Amino acid sequence: MSDDRALKAVGRIEQALDRIEAAATAQQPPTDNEELRRLREVHQALRGRVEGAISDIDRMLAARERV
């Protein structure tokens, strides 16, 4: 690998590390119990919707197989 290519590769690695570091420091877990409770409620609601959508897809596929 030429020196120029090696320097460019090191530069890209450093940029990637900077992005990883920025993301790691920006995403702090919720410390507020109320916020955590709200996130759990939203998660459960979304999970229910996804399960319902998967059930709908299963029914459609089963109906198609019968045809």
PDB file of N, CA and C in Angstrom:
ATOM      1  N   MET A   1       0.857  -1.169   0.000  1.00  0.00           N
ATOM      2  CA  MET A   1       0.000   0.000   0.000  1.00  0.00           C
ATOM      3  C   MET A   1       0.900   1.227   0.000  1.00  0.00           C
ATOM      4  N   SER A   2       0.631   2.179  -0.854  1.00  0.00           N
ATOM      5  CA  SER A   2       1.450   3.384  -0.912  1.00  0.00           C
ATOM      6  C   SER A   2       1.194   4.242   0.322  1.00  0.00           C
ATOM      7  N   ASP A   3       2.144   5.137   0.586  1.00  0.00           N
ATOM      8  CA  ASP A   3       2.009   6.008   1.757  1.00  0.00           C
ATOM      9  C   ASP A   3       0.734   6.840   1.697  1.00  0.00           C
ATOM     10  N   ASP A   4       0.396   7.314   0.502  1.00  0.00           N
ATOM     11  CA  ASP A   4      -0.798   8.142   0.335  1.00  0.00           C
ATOM     12  C   ASP A   4      -2.057   7.341   0.676  1.00  0.00           C
ATOM     13  N   ARG A   5      -2.127   6.125   0.181  1.00  0.00           N
ATOM     14  CA  ARG A   5      -3.299   5.279   0.466  1.00  0.00           C
ATOM     15  C   ARG A   5      -3.365   4.944   1.947  1.00  0.00           C
ATOM     16  N   ALA A   6      -2.212   4.692   2.554  1.00  0.00           N
ATOM     17  CA  ALA A   6      -2.183   4.372   3.981  1.00  0.00           C
ATOM     18  C   ALA A   6      -2.644   5.569   4.803  1.00  0.00           C
ATOM     19  N   LEU A   7      -2.187   6.754   4.438  1.00  0.00           N
ATOM     20  CA  LEU A   7      -2.594   7.960   5.169  1.00  0.00           C
ATOM     21  C   LEU A   7      -4.097   8.211   5.022  1.00  0.00           C
ATOM     22  N   LYS A   8      -4.627   7.986   3.823  1.00  0.00           N
ATOM     23  CA  LYS A   8      -6.067   8.158   3.607  1.00  0.00           C
ATOM     24  C   LYS A   8      -6.860   7.138   4.425  1.00  0.00           C
ATOM     25  N   ALA A   9      -6.365   5.906   4.490  1.00  0.00           N
ATOM     26  CA  ALA A   9      -7.045   4.868   5.270  1.00  0.00           C
ATOM     27  C   ALA A   9      -7.036   5.229   6.748  1.00  0.00           C
ATOM     28  N   VAL A  10      -5.910   5.701   7.241  1.00  0.00           N
ATOM     29  CA  VAL A  10      -5.826   6.105   8.645  1.00  0.00           C
ATOM     30  C   VAL A  10      -6.776   7.271   8.907  1.00  0.00           C
ATOM     31  N   GLY A  11      -6.852   8.187   7.967  1.00  0.00           N
ATOM     32  CA  GLY A  11      -7.775   9.318   8.111  1.00  0.00           C
ATOM     33  C   GLY A  11      -9.220   8.861   8.194  1.00  0.00           C
ATOM     34  N   ARG A  12      -9.605   7.893   7.353  1.00  0.00           N
ATOM     35  CA  ARG A  12     -10.982   7.371   7.386  1.00  0.00           C
ATOM     36  C   ARG A  12     -11.257   6.650   8.707  1.00  0.00           C
ATOM     37  N   ILE A  13     -10.259   5.922   9.200  1.00  0.00           N
ATOM     38  CA  ILE A  13     -10.420   5.228  10.482  1.00  0.00           C
ATOM     39  C   ILE A  13     -10.607   6.245  11.603  1.00  0.00           C
ATOM     40  N   GLU A  14      -9.813   7.313  11.586  1.00  0.00           N
ATOM     41  CA  GLU A  14      -9.949   8.344  12.615  1.00  0.00           C
ATOM     42  C   GLU A  14     -11.314   9.018  12.551  1.00  0.00           C
ATOM     43  N   GLN A  15     -11.815   9.272  11.345  1.00  0.00           N
ATOM     44  CA  GLN A  15     -13.146   9.858  11.199  1.00  0.00           C
ATOM     45  C   GLN A  15     -14.218   8.923  11.744  1.00  0.00           C
ATOM     46  N   ALA A  16     -14.083   7.639  11.454  1.00  0.00           N
ATOM     47  CA  ALA A  16     -15.051   6.662  11.960  1.00  0.00           C
ATOM     48  C   ALA A  16     -15.010   6.610  13.480  1.00  0.00           C
ATOM     49  N   LEU A  17     -13.812   6.635  14.043  1.00  0.00           N
ATOM     50  CA  LEU A  17     -13.699   6.630  15.508  1.00  0.00           C
ATOM     51  C   LEU A  17     -14.321   7.879  16.112  1.00  0.00           C
ATOM     52  N   ASP A  18     -14.146   9.024  15.467  1.00  0.00           N
ATOM     53  CA  ASP A  18     -14.777  10.257  15.943  1.00  0.00           C
ATOM     54  C   ASP A  18     -16.295  10.131  15.942  1.00  0.00           C
ATOM     55  N   ARG A  19     -16.850   9.539  14.869  1.00  0.00           N
ATOM     56  CA  ARG A  19     -18.316   9.370  14.800  1.00  0.00           C
ATOM     57  C   ARG A  19     -18.805   8.404  15.881  1.00  0.00           C
ATOM     58  N   ILE A  20     -18.058   7.329  16.099  1.00  0.00           N
ATOM     59  CA  ILE A  20     -18.441   6.364  17.139  1.00  0.00           C
ATOM     60  C   ILE A  20     -18.406   7.016  18.509  1.00  0.00           C
ATOM     61  N   GLU A  21     -17.352   7.770  18.767  1.00  0.00           N
ATOM     62  CA  GLU A  21     -17.215   8.451  20.051  1.00  0.00           C
ATOM     63  C   GLU A  21     -18.333   9.464  20.259  1.00  0.00           C
ATOM     64  N   ALA A  22     -18.678  10.208  19.231  1.00  0.00           N
ATOM     65  CA  ALA A  22     -19.751  11.195  19.335  1.00  0.00           C
ATOM     66  C   ALA A  22     -21.085  10.511  19.608  1.00  0.00           C
ATOM     67  N   ALA A  23     -21.334   9.408  18.932  1.00  0.00           N
ATOM     68  CA  ALA A  23     -22.596   8.691  19.144  1.00  0.00           C
ATOM     69  C   ALA A  23     -22.655   8.100  20.546  1.00  0.00           C
ATOM     70  N   ALA A  24     -21.544   7.598  21.027  1.00  0.00           N
ATOM     71  CA  ALA A  24     -21.520   6.977  22.355  1.00  0.00           C
ATOM     72  C   ALA A  24     -21.770   8.001  23.449  1.00  0.00           C
ATOM     73  N   THR A  25     -21.252   9.190  23.294  1.00  0.00           N
ATOM     74  CA  THR A  25     -21.448  10.208  24.326  1.00  0.00           C
ATOM     75  C   THR A  25     -22.807  10.879  24.206  1.00  0.00           C
ATOM     76  N   ALA A  26     -23.406  10.862  23.015  1.00  0.00           N
ATOM     77  CA  ALA A  26     -24.702  11.518  22.816  1.00  0.00           C
ATOM     78  C   ALA A  26     -25.859  10.684  23.330  1.00  0.00           C
ATOM     79  N   GLN A  27     -25.722   9.369  23.363  1.00  0.00           N
ATOM     80  CA  GLN A  27     -26.822   8.487  23.733  1.00  0.00           C
ATOM     81  C   GLN A  27     -26.688   8.070  25.191  1.00  0.00           C
ATOM     82  N   GLN A  28     -27.227   8.886  26.056  1.00  0.00           N
ATOM     83  CA  GLN A  28     -27.220   8.570  27.470  1.00  0.00           C
ATOM     84  C   GLN A  28     -28.528   7.855  27.820  1.00  0.00           C
ATOM     85  N   PRO A  29     -28.459   6.799  28.611  1.00  0.00           N
ATOM     86  CA  PRO A  29     -29.694   6.109  28.987  1.00  0.00           C
ATOM     87  C   PRO A  29     -30.567   7.025  29.829  1.00  0.00           C
ATOM     88  N   PRO A  30     -31.878   6.857  29.714  1.00  0.00           N
ATOM     89  CA  PRO A  30     -32.774   7.711  30.493  1.00  0.00           C
ATOM     90  C   PRO A  30     -32.574   7.482  31.986  1.00  0.00           C
ATOM     91  N   THR A  31     -32.480   8.580  32.713  1.00  0.00           N
ATOM     92  CA  THR A  31     -32.323   8.471  34.164  1.00  0.00           C
ATOM     93  C   THR A  31     -33.615   8.830  34.879  1.00  0.00           C
ATOM     94  N   ASP A  32     -34.519   9.450  34.168  1.00  0.00           N
ATOM     95  CA  ASP A  32     -35.795   9.858  34.737  1.00  0.00           C
ATOM     96  C   ASP A  32     -36.752   8.666  34.718  1.00  0.00           C
ATOM     97  N   ASN A  33     -37.254   8.288  35.876  1.00  0.00           N
ATOM     98  CA  ASN A  33     -38.156   7.137  35.960  1.00  0.00           C
ATOM     99  C   ASN A  33     -39.417   7.338  35.123  1.00  0.00           C
ATOM    100  N   GLU A  34     -39.905   8.556  35.075  1.00  0.00           N
ATOM    101  CA  GLU A  34     -41.111   8.834  34.282  1.00  0.00           C
ATOM    102  C   GLU A  34     -40.816   8.633  32.790  1.00  0.00           C
ATOM    103  N   GLU A  35     -39.672   9.085  32.343  1.00  0.00           N
ATOM    104  CA  GLU A  35     -39.302   8.904  30.944  1.00  0.00           C
ATOM    105  C   GLU A  35     -39.123   7.418  30.625  1.00  0.00           C
ATOM    106  N   LEU A  36     -38.514   6.690  31.520  1.00  0.00           N
ATOM    107  CA  LEU A  36     -38.321   5.256  31.324  1.00  0.00           C
ATOM    108  C   LEU A  36     -39.660   4.531  31.261  1.00  0.00           C
ATOM    109  N   ARG A  37     -40.602   4.905  32.122  1.00  0.00           N
ATOM    110  CA  ARG A  37     -41.935   4.302  32.110  1.00  0.00           C
ATOM    111  C   ARG A  37     -42.626   4.587  30.790  1.00  0.00           C
ATOM    112  N   ARG A  38     -42.511   5.836  30.315  1.00  0.00           N
ATOM    113  CA  ARG A  38     -43.140   6.216  29.047  1.00  0.00           C
ATOM    114  C   ARG A  38     -42.528   5.442  27.885  1.00  0.00           C
ATOM    115  N   LEU A  39     -41.212   5.285  27.886  1.00  0.00           N
ATOM    116  CA  LEU A  39     -40.558   4.528  26.823  1.00  0.00           C
ATOM    117  C   LEU A  39     -40.998   3.065  26.827  1.00  0.00           C
ATOM    118  N   ARG A  40     -41.176   2.508  28.006  1.00  0.00           N
ATOM    119  CA  ARG A  40     -41.650   1.122  28.094  1.00  0.00           C
ATOM    120  C   ARG A  40     -43.061   0.990  27.543  1.00  0.00           C
ATOM    121  N   GLU A  41     -43.915   1.959  27.832  1.00  0.00           N
ATOM    122  CA  GLU A  41     -45.288   1.929  27.315  1.00  0.00           C
ATOM    123  C   GLU A  41     -45.290   2.014  25.792  1.00  0.00           C
ATOM    124  N   VAL A  42     -44.489   2.917  25.250  1.00  0.00           N
ATOM    125  CA  VAL A  42     -44.402   3.068  23.799  1.00  0.00           C
ATOM    126  C   VAL A  42     -43.867   1.787  23.167  1.00  0.00           C
ATOM    127  N   HIS A  43     -42.869   1.203  23.801  1.00  0.00           N
ATOM    128  CA  HIS A  43     -42.298  -0.049  23.293  1.00  0.00           C
ATOM    129  C   HIS A  43     -43.361  -1.147  23.253  1.00  0.00           C
ATOM    130  N   GLN A  44     -44.117  -1.278  24.318  1.00  0.00           N
ATOM    131  CA  GLN A  44     -45.164  -2.310  24.363  1.00  0.00           C
ATOM    132  C   GLN A  44     -46.228  -2.066  23.293  1.00  0.00           C
ATOM    133  N   ALA A  45     -46.601  -0.801  23.103  1.00  0.00           N
ATOM    134  CA  ALA A  45     -47.599  -0.486  22.076  1.00  0.00           C
ATOM    135  C   ALA A  45     -47.071  -0.841  20.686  1.00  0.00           C
ATOM    136  N   LEU A  46     -45.837  -0.466  20.398  1.00  0.00           N
ATOM    137  CA  LEU A  46     -45.256  -0.789  19.095  1.00  0.00           C
ATOM    138  C   LEU A  46     -45.112  -2.296  18.914  1.00  0.00           C
ATOM    139  N   ARG A  47     -44.743  -2.963  19.979  1.00  0.00           N
ATOM    140  CA  ARG A  47     -44.604  -4.422  19.896  1.00  0.00           C
ATOM    141  C   ARG A  47     -45.946  -5.065  19.558  1.00  0.00           C
ATOM    142  N   GLY A  48     -47.004  -4.585  20.181  1.00  0.00           N
ATOM    143  CA  GLY A  48     -48.337  -5.109  19.882  1.00  0.00           C
ATOM    144  C   GLY A  48     -48.730  -4.881  18.431  1.00  0.00           C
ATOM    145  N   ARG A  49     -48.407  -3.710  17.909  1.00  0.00           N
ATOM    146  CA  ARG A  49     -48.729  -3.420  16.508  1.00  0.00           C
ATOM    147  C   ARG A  49     -47.947  -4.325  15.562  1.00  0.00           C
ATOM    148  N   VAL A  50     -46.685  -4.550  15.863  1.00  0.00           N
ATOM    149  CA  VAL A  50     -45.857  -5.418  15.013  1.00  0.00           C
ATOM    150  C   VAL A  50     -46.381  -6.852  15.062  1.00  0.00           C
ATOM    151  N   GLU A  51     -46.722  -7.317  16.253  1.00  0.00           N
ATOM    152  CA  GLU A  51     -47.269  -8.677  16.376  1.00  0.00           C
ATOM    153  C   GLU A  51     -48.565  -8.808  15.588  1.00  0.00           C
ATOM    154  N   GLY A  52     -49.407  -7.777  15.643  1.00  0.00           N
ATOM    155  CA  GLY A  52     -50.650  -7.789  14.879  1.00  0.00           C
ATOM    156  C   GLY A  52     -50.388  -7.815  13.384  1.00  0.00           C
ATOM    157  N   ALA A  53     -49.414  -7.036  12.929  1.00  0.00           N
ATOM    158  CA  ALA A  53     -49.086  -7.006  11.505  1.00  0.00           C
ATOM    159  C   ALA A  53     -48.543  -8.361  11.045  1.00  0.00           C
ATOM    160  N   ILE A  54     -47.718  -8.979  11.871  1.00  0.00           N
ATOM    161  CA  ILE A  54     -47.187 -10.300  11.518  1.00  0.00           C
ATOM    162  C   ILE A  54     -48.309 -11.329  11.455  1.00  0.00           C
ATOM    163  N   SER A  55     -49.252 -11.238  12.370  1.00  0.00           N
ATOM    164  CA  SER A  55     -50.396 -12.154  12.339  1.00  0.00           C
ATOM    165  C   SER A  55     -51.210 -11.962  11.062  1.00  0.00           C
ATOM    166  N   ASP A  56     -51.409 -10.705  10.676  1.00  0.00           N
ATOM    167  CA  ASP A  56     -52.134 -10.422   9.430  1.00  0.00           C
ATOM    168  C   ASP A  56     -51.417 -11.024   8.228  1.00  0.00           C
ATOM    169  N   ILE A  57     -50.110 -10.871   8.191  1.00  0.00           N
ATOM    170  CA  ILE A  57     -49.324 -11.423   7.089  1.00  0.00           C
ATOM    171  C   ILE A  57     -49.433 -12.945   7.075  1.00  0.00           C
ATOM    172  N   ASP A  58     -49.343 -13.563   8.255  1.00  0.00           N
ATOM    173  CA  ASP A  58     -49.481 -15.020   8.341  1.00  0.00           C
ATOM    174  C   ASP A  58     -50.829 -15.478   7.801  1.00  0.00           C
ATOM    175  N   ARG A  59     -51.900 -14.765   8.150  1.00  0.00           N
ATOM    176  CA  ARG A  59     -53.231 -15.134   7.670  1.00  0.00           C
ATOM    177  C   ARG A  59     -53.330 -14.981   6.159  1.00  0.00           C
ATOM    178  N   MET A  60     -52.751 -13.913   5.619  1.00  0.00           N
ATOM    179  CA  MET A  60     -52.789 -13.720   4.175  1.00  0.00           C
ATOM    180  C   MET A  60     -52.019 -14.806   3.440  1.00  0.00           C
ATOM    181  N   LEU A  61     -50.861 -15.173   3.978  1.00  0.00           N
ATOM    182  CA  LEU A  61     -50.079 -16.230   3.346  1.00  0.00           C
ATOM    183  C   LEU A  61     -50.803 -17.566   3.422  1.00  0.00           C
ATOM    184  N   ALA A  62     -51.431 -17.846   4.545  1.00  0.00           N
ATOM    185  CA  ALA A  62     -52.175 -19.104   4.689  1.00  0.00           C
ATOM    186  C   ALA A  62     -53.353 -19.142   3.717  1.00  0.00           C
ATOM    187  N   ALA A  63     -54.047 -18.016   3.569  1.00  0.00           N
ATOM    188  CA  ALA A  63     -55.170 -17.956   2.645  1.00  0.00           C
ATOM    189  C   ALA A  63     -54.701 -18.136   1.199  1.00  0.00           C
ATOM    190  N   ARG A  64     -53.553 -17.578   0.888  1.00  0.00           N
ATOM    191  CA  ARG A  64     -53.013 -17.700  -0.472  1.00  0.00           C
ATOM    192  C   ARG A  64     -52.613 -19.148  -0.774  1.00  0.00           C
ATOM    193  N   GLU A  65     -52.111 -19.862   0.223  1.00  0.00           N
ATOM    194  CA  GLU A  65     -51.713 -21.243   0.018  1.00  0.00           C
ATOM    195  C   GLU A  65     -52.920 -22.135  -0.245  1.00  0.00           C
ATOM    196  N   ARG A  66     -54.070 -21.751   0.292  1.00  0.00           N
ATOM    197  CA  ARG A  66     -55.284 -22.559   0.096  1.00  0.00           C
ATOM    198  C   ARG A  66     -55.868 -22.387  -1.289  1.00  0.00           C
ATOM    199  N   VAL A  67     -55.480 -21.340  -1.969  1.00  0.00           N
ATOM    200  CA  VAL A  67     -56.060 -21.058  -3.293  1.00  0.00           C
ATOM    201  C   VAL A  67     -55.391 -21.850  -4.367  1.00  0.00           C
TER     202      VAL A  67
END
